[in-house]
Amino acid sequence: MDELRDAVFIAQILTGEDWNEVMYYAIRSQGGVSGGGMFYSLYFVILVLFGNCIFYCFCGLQVLTRYC
């Protein structure tokens, strides 16, 4: 069940749907800003930037190979 929830969160982050809310929950769950939770914000920023690039390149590649 945890894997399904995690997959939903990753999809939510990659689509840009309230990814910042998930990031705030992750920071709070790890002790907040002073408890080392701010390192998780770096994970989310990298995931949003590079995850979207990889995801959209993969989708574009699929379209090009299918219709060209």
Protein backbone atom coordinates (compact mmCIF):
# COMPACT_ATOMS: atom_id res chain seq x y z
CA MET A 1 0.00 0.00 0.00
CA ASP A 2 2.89 2.35 0.70
CA GLU A 3 4.25 1.86 -2.82
CA LEU A 4 0.96 2.97 -4.33
CA ARG A 5 0.87 6.07 -2.16
CA ASP A 6 4.48 6.87 -3.07
CA ALA A 7 3.73 6.44 -6.78
CA VAL A 8 0.79 8.84 -6.44
CA PHE A 9 3.03 11.39 -4.72
CA ILE A 10 5.70 11.11 -7.43
CA ALA A 11 3.07 11.53 -10.15
CA GLN A 12 1.62 14.50 -8.25
CA ILE A 13 5.04 16.13 -8.04
CA LEU A 14 5.94 15.52 -11.70
CA THR A 15 2.63 16.93 -12.93
CA GLY A 16 3.08 20.02 -10.75
CA GLU A 17 -0.12 19.49 -8.82
CA ASP A 18 0.55 20.90 -5.30
CA TRP A 19 4.09 19.55 -5.21
CA ASN A 20 5.01 22.26 -2.74
CA GLU A 21 2.42 20.97 -0.26
CA VAL A 22 3.99 17.50 -0.40
CA MET A 23 7.39 19.13 0.14
CA TYR A 24 6.14 20.97 3.24
CA TYR A 25 4.73 17.72 4.65
CA ALA A 26 8.08 16.00 4.06
CA ILE A 27 9.99 18.80 5.77
CA ARG A 28 7.63 18.76 8.77
CA SER A 29 7.80 14.95 9.03
CA GLN A 30 11.60 15.10 9.30
CA GLY A 31 11.73 17.59 12.15
CA GLY A 32 11.00 20.87 10.44
CA VAL A 33 13.41 23.48 9.23
CA SER A 34 15.71 23.29 12.24
CA GLY A 35 15.64 19.49 12.45
CA GLY A 36 17.32 18.83 9.12
CA GLY A 37 14.17 18.73 7.05
CA MET A 38 15.40 21.46 4.72
CA PHE A 39 17.62 18.95 2.94
CA TYR A 40 14.43 17.41 1.61
CA SER A 41 13.53 20.63 -0.14
CA LEU A 42 16.63 20.15 -2.30
CA TYR A 43 15.34 16.69 -3.25
CA PHE A 44 12.00 18.14 -4.33
CA VAL A 45 13.53 20.95 -6.35
CA ILE A 46 15.82 18.50 -8.17
CA LEU A 47 12.91 16.12 -8.72
CA VAL A 48 10.72 18.85 -10.19
CA LEU A 49 13.42 20.26 -12.46
CA PHE A 50 15.06 17.10 -13.74
CA GLY A 51 12.07 14.79 -13.38
CA ASN A 52 9.96 16.95 -15.66
CA CYS A 53 12.77 17.21 -18.21
CA ILE A 54 13.21 13.45 -18.30
CA PHE A 55 9.47 12.80 -18.30
CA TYR A 56 8.73 15.20 -21.15
CA CYS A 57 11.72 14.05 -23.20
CA PHE A 58 10.54 10.47 -22.82
CA CYS A 59 6.99 11.40 -23.87
CA GLY A 60 8.29 13.39 -26.84
CA LEU A 61 10.49 10.50 -27.88
CA GLN A 62 7.52 8.16 -27.76
CA VAL A 63 5.47 10.47 -29.97
CA LEU A 64 8.32 10.89 -32.46
CA THR A 65 8.98 7.17 -32.75
CA ARG A 66 5.32 6.33 -33.10
CA TYR A 67 4.21 8.95 -35.64
CA CYS A 68 7.35 9.66 -37.64
